[in-house]
């Protein structure tokens, strides 16, 4: 009897040990599955990119992570930030990842402790000046603002920004509003802090009775259609329109051009940290940056060429100003612009 009891206890112990090994094996298998790159969940992606470009980015990301559902909210930078600020005041920020026009916008969010610190391993291939020193955002592309002209109306391409203030440009200028476009708000801060331009530059443009549009896309549309002959606009839109056969030409003025980098960052409150990091990594990766070039942007990652019709960073003069100055005065700049052009 005692011998039988002993054998029974021994068998139970062996069975329990086997179960323990099985559990450990399953845990190891699960870890292996996670490490293999399999990922699932839902990501809220807020951006100011054109709809089609944002959709292409998400489609390419989903080729690598098919079980991640990415929801896109798209509008102009100023409206995207207004939505985030409203969500913040309500105590429920929906966005997980943000990709909008310029570093100044991200500086504002960083000062409110709304961004997570994350330096992607892919950032090693991006020029240091385009990676936030605190690791809260990283540039994703090089976007210069230049001039667009209608080649059927303008026989000789201008070389200077001052063409927008000239007599031949009277009633023929179109430009985006800094009240809607983050790029335009950034440009406003840059030009008005440059001794060669200042607020006088905008005052003189005003005398030419310009058309003010919400975004950059409308600028190209008005010039391509012949409604206007000259425009201030981000470069990639002109190159894209020209490649599609529109009678437009891109000019990088000799005085220099403002440059934005459409940074990407992760919101501090995200509940999808792993997916958000994977998304950022993809955008900055060689695959993601090659996609940017194919879409028509100048990649920010070193070693990938700019697409046809655009110049690389080293090929033009960059106009700049201290980022803290731009951030501190952004709202005041927009108010002054509105005062000038609403008269």
Protein backbone atom coordinates (compact mmCIF):
# COMPACT_ATOMS: atom_id res chain seq x y z
CA UNK A 1 0.00 0.00 0.00
CA UNK A 2 2.76 2.41 0.94
CA UNK A 3 4.66 1.40 -2.17
CA UNK A 4 1.61 2.12 -4.37
CA UNK A 5 1.11 5.52 -2.71
CA UNK A 6 4.76 6.35 -3.27
CA UNK A 7 4.50 5.46 -6.96
CA UNK A 8 1.33 7.57 -7.31
CA UNK A 9 2.98 10.63 -5.75
CA UNK A 10 6.03 10.17 -7.97
CA UNK A 11 3.84 10.09 -11.09
CA UNK A 12 2.00 13.24 -9.98
CA UNK A 13 5.27 15.10 -9.46
CA UNK A 14 6.52 14.06 -12.90
CA UNK A 15 3.23 15.19 -14.45
CA UNK A 16 3.41 18.59 -12.74
CA UNK A 17 6.99 19.04 -13.89
CA UNK A 18 6.00 18.23 -17.45
CA UNK A 19 3.19 20.79 -17.29
CA UNK A 20 5.64 23.39 -15.98
CA UNK A 21 7.99 22.70 -18.85
CA UNK A 22 5.09 22.98 -21.30
CA UNK A 23 4.07 26.36 -19.86
CA UNK A 24 7.64 27.63 -20.11
CA UNK A 25 7.84 26.37 -23.70
CA UNK A 26 4.59 28.16 -24.57
CA UNK A 27 5.85 31.38 -22.95
CA UNK A 28 9.09 31.10 -24.90
CA UNK A 29 7.11 30.48 -28.08
CA UNK A 30 4.99 33.58 -27.44
CA UNK A 31 8.12 35.69 -26.85
CA UNK A 32 9.63 34.33 -30.05
CA UNK A 33 6.48 35.26 -31.90
CA UNK A 34 6.65 38.81 -30.58
CA UNK A 35 10.33 39.11 -31.44
CA UNK A 36 9.65 37.92 -34.98
CA UNK A 37 7.94 41.22 -35.72
CA UNK A 38 4.32 40.08 -35.57
CA UNK A 39 2.17 42.92 -34.28
CA UNK A 40 -1.52 43.70 -34.09
CA UNK A 41 -3.65 46.52 -32.81
CA UNK A 42 -4.99 49.93 -33.78
CA UNK A 43 -3.08 53.19 -34.30
CA UNK A 44 -4.43 56.73 -34.57
CA UNK A 45 -2.28 58.68 -37.04
CA UNK A 46 -2.73 62.48 -37.24
CA UNK A 47 -1.07 64.23 -40.19
CA UNK A 48 -1.06 67.25 -42.47
CA UNK A 49 0.19 65.26 -45.47
CA UNK A 50 -2.08 65.10 -48.52
CA UNK A 51 -4.61 62.29 -48.17
CA UNK A 52 -3.18 60.16 -50.97
CA UNK A 53 0.37 60.40 -49.57
CA UNK A 54 -0.74 59.45 -46.06
CA UNK A 55 -2.68 56.51 -47.48
CA UNK A 56 0.35 55.29 -49.45
CA UNK A 57 2.48 55.46 -46.32
CA UNK A 58 -0.04 53.46 -44.32
CA UNK A 59 -0.46 50.88 -47.11
CA UNK A 60 3.29 50.29 -47.22
CA UNK A 61 3.45 50.01 -43.42
CA UNK A 62 0.63 47.46 -43.55
CA UNK A 63 2.60 45.33 -45.99
CA UNK A 64 5.02 44.81 -43.13
CA UNK A 65 2.43 44.84 -40.33
CA UNK A 66 -0.83 43.59 -41.87
CA UNK A 67 -2.59 43.13 -38.53
CA UNK A 68 -2.25 46.78 -37.50
CA UNK A 69 -5.19 49.02 -38.34
CA UNK A 70 -4.07 52.62 -38.87
CA UNK A 71 -6.76 55.30 -38.71
CA UNK A 72 -5.84 58.58 -40.42
CA UNK A 73 -6.98 62.04 -39.40
CA UNK A 74 -5.78 64.55 -41.99
CA UNK A 75 -6.04 68.35 -42.12
CA UNK A 76 -3.82 71.43 -42.23
CA UNK A 77 -1.20 71.57 -39.47
CA UNK A 78 -2.94 74.35 -37.57
CA UNK A 79 -6.24 72.45 -37.55
CA UNK A 80 -4.55 69.18 -36.56
CA UNK A 81 -2.95 70.90 -33.57
CA UNK A 82 -6.22 72.60 -32.67
CA UNK A 83 -7.86 69.16 -32.56
CA UNK A 84 -5.08 67.75 -30.35
CA UNK A 85 -5.30 70.73 -28.00
CA UNK A 86 -9.08 70.31 -27.76
CA UNK A 87 -8.65 66.61 -26.98
CA UNK A 88 -6.04 67.49 -24.36
CA UNK A 89 -8.38 69.93 -22.65
CA UNK A 90 -11.06 67.24 -22.63
CA UNK A 91 -8.57 64.88 -21.00
CA UNK A 92 -8.52 62.34 -23.83
CA UNK A 93 -5.91 62.70 -26.58
CA UNK A 94 -6.84 60.23 -29.30
CA UNK A 95 -3.72 60.59 -31.46
CA UNK A 96 -0.89 58.07 -31.08
CA UNK A 97 1.48 59.34 -33.77
CA UNK A 98 1.75 62.84 -35.20
CA UNK A 99 3.36 63.91 -38.50
CA UNK A 100 2.89 67.58 -39.39
CA UNK A 101 4.70 70.43 -41.06
CA UNK A 102 7.48 71.79 -38.91
CA UNK A 103 9.69 71.55 -35.84
CA UNK A 104 8.20 74.71 -34.30
CA UNK A 105 4.86 72.94 -33.96
CA UNK A 106 6.52 70.03 -32.18
CA UNK A 107 8.42 72.39 -29.89
CA UNK A 108 5.08 73.68 -28.65
CA UNK A 109 3.85 70.18 -27.87
CA UNK A 110 7.16 69.28 -26.24
CA UNK A 111 6.95 72.25 -23.88
CA UNK A 112 3.53 70.97 -22.80
CA UNK A 113 5.00 67.50 -22.10
CA UNK A 114 2.72 65.97 -24.71
CA UNK A 115 5.39 64.02 -26.60
CA UNK A 116 7.11 60.76 -25.73
CA UNK A 117 10.90 60.56 -25.83
CA UNK A 118 11.88 58.06 -28.48
CA UNK A 119 14.99 58.09 -30.67
CA UNK A 120 14.52 55.55 -33.42
CA UNK A 121 17.56 53.42 -34.31
CA UNK A 122 16.90 54.60 -37.88
CA UNK A 123 17.72 58.17 -36.81
CA UNK A 124 21.44 57.36 -37.04
CA UNK A 125 21.20 57.93 -40.81
CA UNK A 126 19.52 61.34 -40.50
CA UNK A 127 21.48 64.60 -40.15
CA UNK A 128 21.78 65.52 -36.47
CA UNK A 129 20.19 68.95 -36.90
CA UNK A 130 16.90 67.29 -37.90
CA UNK A 131 16.67 65.08 -34.81
CA UNK A 132 15.33 66.72 -31.64
CA UNK A 133 18.03 66.80 -28.98
CA UNK A 134 15.48 65.59 -26.42
CA UNK A 135 14.35 62.74 -28.66
CA UNK A 136 10.71 63.78 -28.97
CA UNK A 137 10.54 64.21 -32.75
CA UNK A 138 12.53 63.55 -35.93
CA UNK A 139 12.31 65.09 -39.40
CA UNK A 140 10.98 62.82 -42.15
CA UNK A 141 11.73 64.73 -45.36
CA UNK A 142 13.22 67.94 -46.80
CA UNK A 143 10.55 70.38 -48.01
CA UNK A 144 11.68 73.76 -49.30
CA UNK A 145 9.30 76.60 -50.07
CA UNK A 146 10.05 78.27 -53.38
CA UNK A 147 8.32 80.08 -56.21
CA UNK A 148 5.99 78.53 -58.73
CA UNK A 149 5.35 80.26 -62.05
CA UNK A 150 2.98 79.59 -64.92
CA UNK A 151 5.28 79.02 -67.90
CA UNK A 152 2.61 80.15 -70.39
CA UNK A 153 2.25 83.55 -68.71
CA UNK A 154 5.81 84.18 -67.48
CA UNK A 155 8.39 84.15 -70.27
CA UNK A 156 11.49 84.50 -68.07
CA UNK A 157 11.81 82.68 -64.76
CA UNK A 158 12.51 85.06 -61.85
CA UNK A 159 15.52 84.57 -59.59
CA UNK A 160 14.35 86.51 -56.54
CA UNK A 161 11.51 86.49 -54.04
CA UNK A 162 11.05 90.17 -54.82
CA UNK A 163 9.15 89.25 -57.98
CA UNK A 164 6.12 88.85 -55.69
CA UNK A 165 6.30 92.57 -54.92
CA UNK A 166 6.94 93.70 -58.53
CA UNK A 167 4.56 95.54 -60.85
CA UNK A 168 4.27 92.59 -63.24
CA UNK A 169 2.96 90.47 -60.36
CA UNK A 170 0.07 92.84 -59.55
CA UNK A 171 -3.11 90.77 -59.09
CA UNK A 172 -1.13 87.66 -60.10
CA UNK A 173 0.16 86.34 -56.75
CA UNK A 174 -1.22 83.45 -54.73
CA UNK A 175 0.08 82.19 -51.38
CA UNK A 176 -1.07 79.91 -48.53
CA UNK A 177 -2.39 81.27 -45.27
CA UNK A 178 -0.30 80.78 -42.12
CA UNK A 179 -3.59 80.57 -40.24
CA UNK A 180 -4.13 77.14 -41.84
CA UNK A 181 -0.81 75.91 -43.23
CA UNK A 182 2.00 75.02 -40.84
CA UNK A 183 4.55 75.50 -43.63
CA UNK A 184 3.21 78.99 -44.31
CA UNK A 185 3.32 79.84 -40.59
CA UNK A 186 6.94 78.67 -40.46
CA UNK A 187 7.82 80.67 -43.59
CA UNK A 188 6.21 83.77 -42.11
CA UNK A 189 8.46 83.52 -39.06
CA UNK A 190 11.55 82.96 -41.20
CA UNK A 191 10.98 85.80 -43.66
CA UNK A 192 10.02 88.37 -41.02
CA UNK A 193 13.22 87.61 -39.05
CA UNK A 194 15.48 87.96 -42.07
CA UNK A 195 16.95 91.43 -42.63
CA UNK A 196 16.54 91.13 -46.39
CA UNK A 197 12.76 90.72 -46.04
CA UNK A 198 11.08 91.57 -42.71
CA UNK A 199 7.45 92.55 -42.41
CA UNK A 200 7.97 95.03 -45.23
CA UNK A 201 8.14 92.06 -47.62
CA UNK A 202 4.60 91.05 -46.72
CA UNK A 203 3.37 94.64 -46.74
CA UNK A 204 4.62 95.00 -50.33
CA UNK A 205 3.07 91.71 -51.38
CA UNK A 206 -0.21 93.01 -49.96
CA UNK A 207 -0.09 95.97 -52.37
CA UNK A 208 -0.22 93.45 -55.25
CA UNK A 209 -3.62 92.21 -54.07
CA UNK A 210 -2.65 88.54 -53.62
CA UNK A 211 -5.00 85.59 -53.35
CA UNK A 212 -4.66 83.88 -49.96
CA UNK A 213 -5.57 80.20 -49.96
CA UNK A 214 -5.92 77.75 -47.09
CA UNK A 215 -3.21 75.34 -48.21
CA UNK A 216 -0.33 74.88 -50.61
CA UNK A 217 -2.27 72.62 -52.93
CA UNK A 218 -4.61 75.44 -53.91
CA UNK A 219 -1.61 77.62 -54.75
CA UNK A 220 -0.38 75.17 -57.39
CA UNK A 221 -3.89 74.67 -58.74
CA UNK A 222 -4.37 78.40 -59.28
CA UNK A 223 -1.02 78.83 -61.01
CA UNK A 224 -1.36 75.68 -63.13
CA UNK A 225 -4.82 76.76 -64.31
CA UNK A 226 -3.57 80.24 -65.28
CA UNK A 227 -5.69 82.02 -62.70
CA UNK A 228 -2.46 83.36 -61.19
CA UNK A 229 1.06 83.61 -62.57
CA UNK A 230 3.19 83.50 -59.41
CA UNK A 231 2.92 81.58 -56.18
CA UNK A 232 4.74 80.85 -52.91
CA UNK A 233 4.56 77.11 -52.31
CA UNK A 234 6.30 73.97 -51.04
CA UNK A 235 8.54 72.49 -53.73
CA UNK A 236 7.25 68.92 -54.10
CA UNK A 237 3.80 70.06 -55.24
CA UNK A 238 5.29 71.99 -58.15
CA UNK A 239 7.52 69.11 -59.24
CA UNK A 240 4.55 66.75 -59.05
CA UNK A 241 2.35 69.06 -61.13
CA UNK A 242 5.10 69.62 -63.71
CA UNK A 243 5.65 65.86 -64.04
CA UNK A 244 1.91 65.51 -64.65
CA UNK A 245 2.12 67.96 -67.55
CA UNK A 246 0.95 71.21 -65.95
CA UNK A 247 2.53 74.44 -67.30
CA UNK A 248 4.41 75.22 -64.10
CA UNK A 249 8.04 75.63 -63.10
CA UNK A 250 9.71 75.55 -59.70
CA UNK A 251 12.21 78.28 -58.79
CA UNK A 252 14.58 78.24 -55.81
CA UNK A 253 15.22 82.01 -55.30
CA UNK A 254 18.85 83.08 -55.02
CA UNK A 255 18.36 84.68 -51.57
CA UNK A 256 17.60 81.25 -50.13
CA UNK A 257 14.51 79.28 -49.12
CA UNK A 258 12.81 78.24 -45.86
CA UNK A 259 12.95 74.48 -45.22
CA UNK A 260 10.62 72.34 -43.12
CA UNK A 261 11.08 68.65 -42.38
CA UNK A 262 7.58 67.37 -41.51
CA UNK A 263 8.72 65.76 -38.24
CA UNK A 264 7.15 62.68 -36.72
CA UNK A 265 6.62 62.05 -33.01
CA UNK A 266 4.72 59.86 -30.57
CA UNK A 267 2.15 61.29 -28.18
CA UNK A 268 3.06 60.85 -24.51
CA UNK A 269 -0.29 59.28 -23.58
CA UNK A 270 -0.34 56.60 -26.29
CA UNK A 271 -1.53 53.16 -25.27
CA UNK A 272 0.04 51.68 -28.41
CA UNK A 273 3.69 52.40 -27.68
CA UNK A 274 5.16 49.39 -29.51
CA UNK A 275 3.08 49.95 -32.63
CA UNK A 276 3.81 53.69 -32.57
CA UNK A 277 7.54 53.04 -32.36
CA UNK A 278 7.32 50.53 -35.22
CA UNK A 279 5.49 53.13 -37.32
CA UNK A 280 8.14 55.78 -36.65
CA UNK A 281 10.90 53.29 -37.42
CA UNK A 282 9.26 52.42 -40.73
CA UNK A 283 8.90 56.05 -41.82
CA UNK A 284 12.60 56.69 -41.14
CA UNK A 285 13.86 53.38 -42.52
CA UNK A 286 15.49 52.95 -45.92
CA UNK A 287 12.26 51.39 -47.16
CA UNK A 288 10.15 54.23 -45.81
CA UNK A 289 12.46 56.93 -47.13
CA UNK A 290 12.65 55.30 -50.57
CA UNK A 291 8.87 55.43 -50.56
CA UNK A 292 9.02 59.18 -49.83
CA UNK A 293 11.23 59.66 -52.90
CA UNK A 294 8.85 57.58 -55.01
CA UNK A 295 5.90 59.67 -53.84
CA UNK A 296 7.83 62.80 -54.79
CA UNK A 297 9.51 64.16 -51.64
CA UNK A 298 13.18 64.81 -50.99
CA UNK A 299 14.16 62.13 -48.43
CA UNK A 300 15.81 63.22 -45.21
CA UNK A 301 17.78 59.99 -44.83
CA UNK A 302 21.32 60.13 -46.14
CA UNK A 303 22.11 58.09 -49.22
CA UNK A 304 18.73 58.35 -50.97
CA UNK A 305 18.50 60.73 -53.94
CA UNK A 306 15.92 63.47 -54.38
CA UNK A 307 13.27 62.73 -57.03
CA UNK A 308 13.33 64.34 -60.45
CA UNK A 309 12.54 68.05 -60.38
CA UNK A 310 13.68 68.68 -56.79
CA UNK A 311 17.01 69.76 -55.36
CA UNK A 312 18.83 68.07 -52.50
CA UNK A 313 19.52 70.05 -49.33
CA UNK A 314 23.10 70.89 -50.27
CA UNK A 315 22.00 72.41 -53.59
CA UNK A 316 20.28 75.52 -52.24
CA UNK A 317 20.72 78.21 -49.60
CA UNK A 318 18.58 77.74 -46.49
CA UNK A 319 16.91 80.66 -44.71
CA UNK A 320 16.59 80.04 -40.98
CA UNK A 321 15.90 81.62 -37.58
CA UNK A 322 16.23 80.46 -33.94
CA UNK A 323 13.56 77.85 -33.33
CA UNK A 324 12.72 79.14 -29.85
CA UNK A 325 12.15 82.62 -31.29
CA UNK A 326 9.86 81.15 -33.94
CA UNK A 327 7.93 79.21 -31.31
CA UNK A 328 7.56 82.11 -28.88
CA UNK A 329 6.25 84.47 -31.58
CA UNK A 330 4.20 82.16 -33.77
CA UNK A 331 0.77 83.27 -32.61
CA UNK A 332 1.74 86.94 -32.64
CA UNK A 333 3.12 86.53 -36.17
CA UNK A 334 -0.13 84.99 -37.39
CA UNK A 335 -2.14 87.77 -35.78
CA UNK A 336 0.00 90.42 -37.49
CA UNK A 337 -0.34 88.63 -40.84
CA UNK A 338 -4.11 88.51 -40.42
CA UNK A 339 -4.17 92.20 -39.56
CA UNK A 340 -2.20 93.07 -42.71
CA UNK A 341 -4.14 90.93 -45.16
CA UNK A 342 -7.62 91.44 -43.74
CA UNK A 343 -7.51 95.19 -44.35
